[in-house]
N, C-alpha and C. Protein backbone atom coordinates (compact mmCIF):
# COMPACT_ATOMS: atom_id res chain seq x y z
N ALA A 1 5.81 114.92 66.31
CA ALA A 1 5.62 115.66 65.32
C ALA A 1 6.45 115.19 64.21
N ARG A 2 5.91 115.55 62.92
CA ARG A 2 6.38 115.05 61.88
C ARG A 2 6.94 116.26 60.81
N TYR A 3 7.80 116.19 60.40
CA TYR A 3 8.53 117.32 59.59
C TYR A 3 8.49 116.82 58.04
N ASP A 4 8.02 117.50 57.01
CA ASP A 4 8.24 116.95 55.69
C ASP A 4 9.29 118.02 55.13
N ALA A 5 10.45 117.66 54.77
CA ALA A 5 11.49 118.30 54.15
C ALA A 5 11.12 119.05 52.82
N ALA A 6 10.38 118.21 51.83
CA ALA A 6 9.92 118.43 50.59
C ALA A 6 9.09 119.83 50.74
N ASP A 7 8.28 120.24 51.56
CA ASP A 7 7.49 121.27 51.52
C ASP A 7 7.72 122.08 52.82
N GLY A 8 8.33 121.62 53.95
CA GLY A 8 8.84 122.33 54.99
C GLY A 8 7.51 122.46 55.96
N SER A 9 6.51 121.85 55.62
CA SER A 9 5.39 121.40 56.65
C SER A 9 5.80 120.69 57.87
N HIS A 10 5.06 120.74 58.88
CA HIS A 10 4.94 120.04 60.00
C HIS A 10 3.72 119.76 60.73
N ARG A 11 3.49 118.59 61.34
CA ARG A 11 2.40 118.05 62.01
C ARG A 11 2.52 117.79 63.38
N VAL A 12 1.70 118.18 64.47
CA VAL A 12 1.79 117.55 65.70
C VAL A 12 0.52 117.14 65.97
N TRP A 13 0.61 115.73 66.94
CA TRP A 13 -0.60 115.13 67.27
C TRP A 13 -0.42 115.32 68.70
N PRO A 14 -1.41 115.81 69.53
CA PRO A 14 -1.41 115.60 70.94
C PRO A 14 -1.94 114.15 71.48
N MET A 15 -1.31 113.97 72.48
CA MET A 15 -1.50 112.46 73.16
C MET A 15 -2.46 112.78 74.28
N PRO A 16 -3.17 111.67 74.58
CA PRO A 16 -4.02 111.58 76.04
C PRO A 16 -3.11 111.57 77.12
N GLU A 17 -1.72 111.06 77.06
CA GLU A 17 -1.12 110.88 78.00
C GLU A 17 0.22 110.94 77.61
N ARG A 18 1.45 110.82 78.62
CA ARG A 18 2.76 111.07 77.88
C ARG A 18 3.13 109.66 77.18
N LEU A 19 3.67 109.99 76.19
CA LEU A 19 4.10 108.99 74.96
C LEU A 19 5.52 108.39 75.75
N ALA A 20 5.76 107.36 75.75
CA ALA A 20 7.03 106.91 76.21
C ALA A 20 7.84 106.28 75.28
N CYS A 21 7.74 105.60 74.19
CA CYS A 21 7.98 105.01 73.18
C CYS A 21 7.17 104.48 71.94
N PHE A 22 7.81 104.49 70.76
CA PHE A 22 7.12 103.98 69.63
C PHE A 22 7.86 103.08 68.77
N ALA A 23 7.30 102.52 67.80
CA ALA A 23 7.78 101.59 66.95
C ALA A 23 7.19 101.53 65.43
N LEU A 24 8.07 101.73 64.46
CA LEU A 24 7.31 101.55 63.05
C LEU A 24 6.66 100.33 62.95
N CYS A 25 5.53 100.53 62.22
CA CYS A 25 4.91 99.22 61.89
C CYS A 25 4.85 99.07 60.19
N GLU A 26 4.41 97.82 59.73
CA GLU A 26 4.48 97.34 58.36
C GLU A 26 3.58 98.46 57.58
N ASP A 27 2.72 99.09 57.98
CA ASP A 27 2.00 100.15 57.50
C ASP A 27 2.54 101.62 57.82
N PRO A 28 3.20 102.09 56.84
CA PRO A 28 3.94 103.60 57.13
C PRO A 28 2.93 104.59 57.87
N ASP A 29 1.69 104.54 57.71
CA ASP A 29 0.88 105.39 58.24
C ASP A 29 0.59 105.06 59.93
N THR A 30 0.95 104.04 60.34
CA THR A 30 0.68 103.49 61.77
C THR A 30 1.66 103.33 62.67
N LEU A 31 1.75 103.53 63.61
CA LEU A 31 2.90 103.35 64.56
C LEU A 31 2.32 102.55 65.97
N LEU A 32 3.04 101.90 66.56
CA LEU A 32 2.76 101.20 67.79
C LEU A 32 3.16 102.13 68.77
N ILE A 33 2.59 102.35 69.69
CA ILE A 33 2.92 103.40 70.91
C ILE A 33 2.79 102.98 72.06
N GLY A 34 3.68 103.19 72.80
CA GLY A 34 3.79 103.14 74.29
C GLY A 34 3.48 104.29 75.05
N LEU A 35 2.04 104.46 75.49
CA LEU A 35 1.58 105.77 76.29
C LEU A 35 2.15 105.20 77.99
N ALA A 36 1.92 106.11 78.52
CA ALA A 36 2.43 106.02 80.07
C ALA A 36 1.67 104.71 80.79
N SER A 37 0.45 104.40 80.38
CA SER A 37 -0.23 103.31 80.86
C SER A 37 -0.72 102.29 80.21
N ARG A 38 -0.55 102.40 78.61
CA ARG A 38 -0.76 101.12 77.86
C ARG A 38 -0.39 101.24 76.44
N LEU A 39 -0.41 100.20 75.83
CA LEU A 39 -0.02 99.95 74.41
C LEU A 39 -1.28 100.34 73.53
N ALA A 40 -0.73 100.96 72.27
CA ALA A 40 -1.93 101.39 71.28
C ALA A 40 -1.28 101.47 69.96
N PHE A 41 -2.34 101.38 69.02
CA PHE A 41 -1.54 101.59 67.73
C PHE A 41 -2.28 102.83 67.24
N PHE A 42 -1.34 104.01 66.71
CA PHE A 42 -1.97 105.32 66.44
C PHE A 42 -1.77 105.34 64.97
N ASP A 43 -2.78 105.91 64.44
CA ASP A 43 -3.09 106.27 62.98
C ASP A 43 -2.41 107.74 62.42
N LEU A 44 -1.55 107.82 61.84
CA LEU A 44 -0.81 109.19 61.47
C LEU A 44 -1.77 109.92 60.57
N ARG A 45 -2.64 109.42 59.79
CA ARG A 45 -3.47 110.00 58.97
C ARG A 45 -4.71 110.50 59.67
N THR A 46 -5.26 109.74 60.41
CA THR A 46 -6.39 110.49 61.43
C THR A 46 -6.22 110.66 62.80
N GLY A 47 -5.03 110.38 63.46
CA GLY A 47 -4.81 110.74 64.50
C GLY A 47 -5.52 109.71 65.70
N GLU A 48 -6.07 108.80 65.17
CA GLU A 48 -7.02 107.77 65.97
C GLU A 48 -5.95 106.94 66.94
N ILE A 49 -6.34 106.70 68.05
CA ILE A 49 -5.60 105.77 69.03
C ILE A 49 -6.45 104.52 69.11
N THR A 50 -5.71 103.45 68.90
CA THR A 50 -6.49 102.04 68.98
C THR A 50 -5.92 101.40 70.10
N PRO A 51 -6.49 101.22 71.30
CA PRO A 51 -5.83 100.47 72.26
C PRO A 51 -5.78 99.11 72.11
N ILE A 52 -4.51 98.70 72.73
CA ILE A 52 -4.39 97.05 72.77
C ILE A 52 -4.43 96.69 73.94
N VAL A 53 -3.66 97.11 74.77
CA VAL A 53 -3.75 96.61 76.31
C VAL A 53 -3.41 97.63 77.31
N ASP A 54 -3.71 97.66 78.50
CA ASP A 54 -3.29 98.33 79.68
C ASP A 54 -2.29 97.94 80.09
N VAL A 55 -1.17 98.32 80.56
CA VAL A 55 -0.21 97.63 81.41
C VAL A 55 -0.27 97.92 82.80
N GLU A 56 -0.28 96.77 83.41
CA GLU A 56 -0.48 96.93 85.19
C GLU A 56 -1.53 97.82 85.54
N PRO A 57 -2.63 97.71 84.91
CA PRO A 57 -3.68 98.60 85.46
C PRO A 57 -3.95 98.73 86.85
N ASP A 58 -3.57 97.74 87.61
CA ASP A 58 -3.74 97.94 89.20
C ASP A 58 -2.73 98.42 90.00
N LEU A 59 -1.58 98.88 89.21
CA LEU A 59 -0.42 99.26 89.92
C LEU A 59 0.20 100.72 89.40
N PRO A 60 0.82 101.17 90.35
CA PRO A 60 1.10 102.73 89.91
C PRO A 60 2.33 102.78 89.08
N THR A 61 2.49 102.00 88.02
CA THR A 61 3.83 101.83 87.28
C THR A 61 3.38 102.83 85.99
N ARG A 62 4.41 102.99 85.07
CA ARG A 62 4.20 103.56 83.89
C ARG A 62 5.35 103.20 82.73
N LEU A 63 4.83 103.13 81.75
CA LEU A 63 5.89 102.76 80.59
C LEU A 63 7.10 103.55 80.59
N ASN A 64 8.19 103.10 80.06
CA ASN A 64 9.38 103.70 80.05
C ASN A 64 9.80 103.70 78.60
N ASP A 65 11.13 103.24 78.40
CA ASP A 65 11.68 103.05 77.22
C ASP A 65 11.31 101.59 76.30
N GLY A 66 11.17 101.68 75.12
CA GLY A 66 10.74 100.55 74.45
C GLY A 66 11.52 100.50 73.09
N ARG A 67 11.39 99.51 72.17
CA ARG A 67 11.96 99.41 71.03
C ARG A 67 11.82 97.95 70.40
N CYS A 68 12.03 97.67 69.17
CA CYS A 68 11.95 96.61 68.57
C CYS A 68 13.30 95.47 68.87
N ASP A 69 13.16 94.23 69.04
CA ASP A 69 14.46 93.41 69.06
C ASP A 69 14.29 92.85 67.65
N ARG A 70 15.59 92.06 67.43
CA ARG A 70 16.05 91.79 66.29
C ARG A 70 14.71 90.94 65.36
N GLN A 71 14.16 90.31 66.30
CA GLN A 71 12.80 89.37 65.66
C GLN A 71 11.80 90.22 65.31
N GLY A 72 11.92 91.45 65.72
CA GLY A 72 10.70 92.21 65.42
C GLY A 72 9.57 92.33 66.50
N ARG A 73 10.06 92.14 67.88
CA ARG A 73 8.90 92.16 69.12
C ARG A 73 9.28 93.37 69.68
N PHE A 74 8.26 93.95 70.13
CA PHE A 74 8.47 95.14 70.73
C PHE A 74 8.19 94.78 72.26
N VAL A 75 9.74 95.21 72.79
CA VAL A 75 9.91 95.21 74.43
C VAL A 75 9.86 96.58 74.96
N PHE A 76 9.53 96.63 76.10
CA PHE A 76 9.43 98.00 76.80
C PHE A 76 9.72 97.59 78.19
N GLY A 77 10.05 98.43 79.05
CA GLY A 77 10.07 98.65 80.35
C GLY A 77 9.26 99.43 81.12
N THR A 78 8.91 99.17 82.51
CA THR A 78 8.20 99.97 83.32
C THR A 78 8.80 100.52 84.63
């Protein structure tokens, strides 16, 4: 959800599966998201999800927490 303190508005985006983690990108309207089964880019303007890669598609694992390290690399656990 996004809350705008200037006008009190908020917006919610439904996800196709559980959102495990996210990171800010250079473009302020784009997030790198970790869904339960994949990494993707999420456009905050349109709600469009652009898949990057499925994570261990042949195993019953799912993404957990994630974050950017000091070098800006996104790391996550399953």
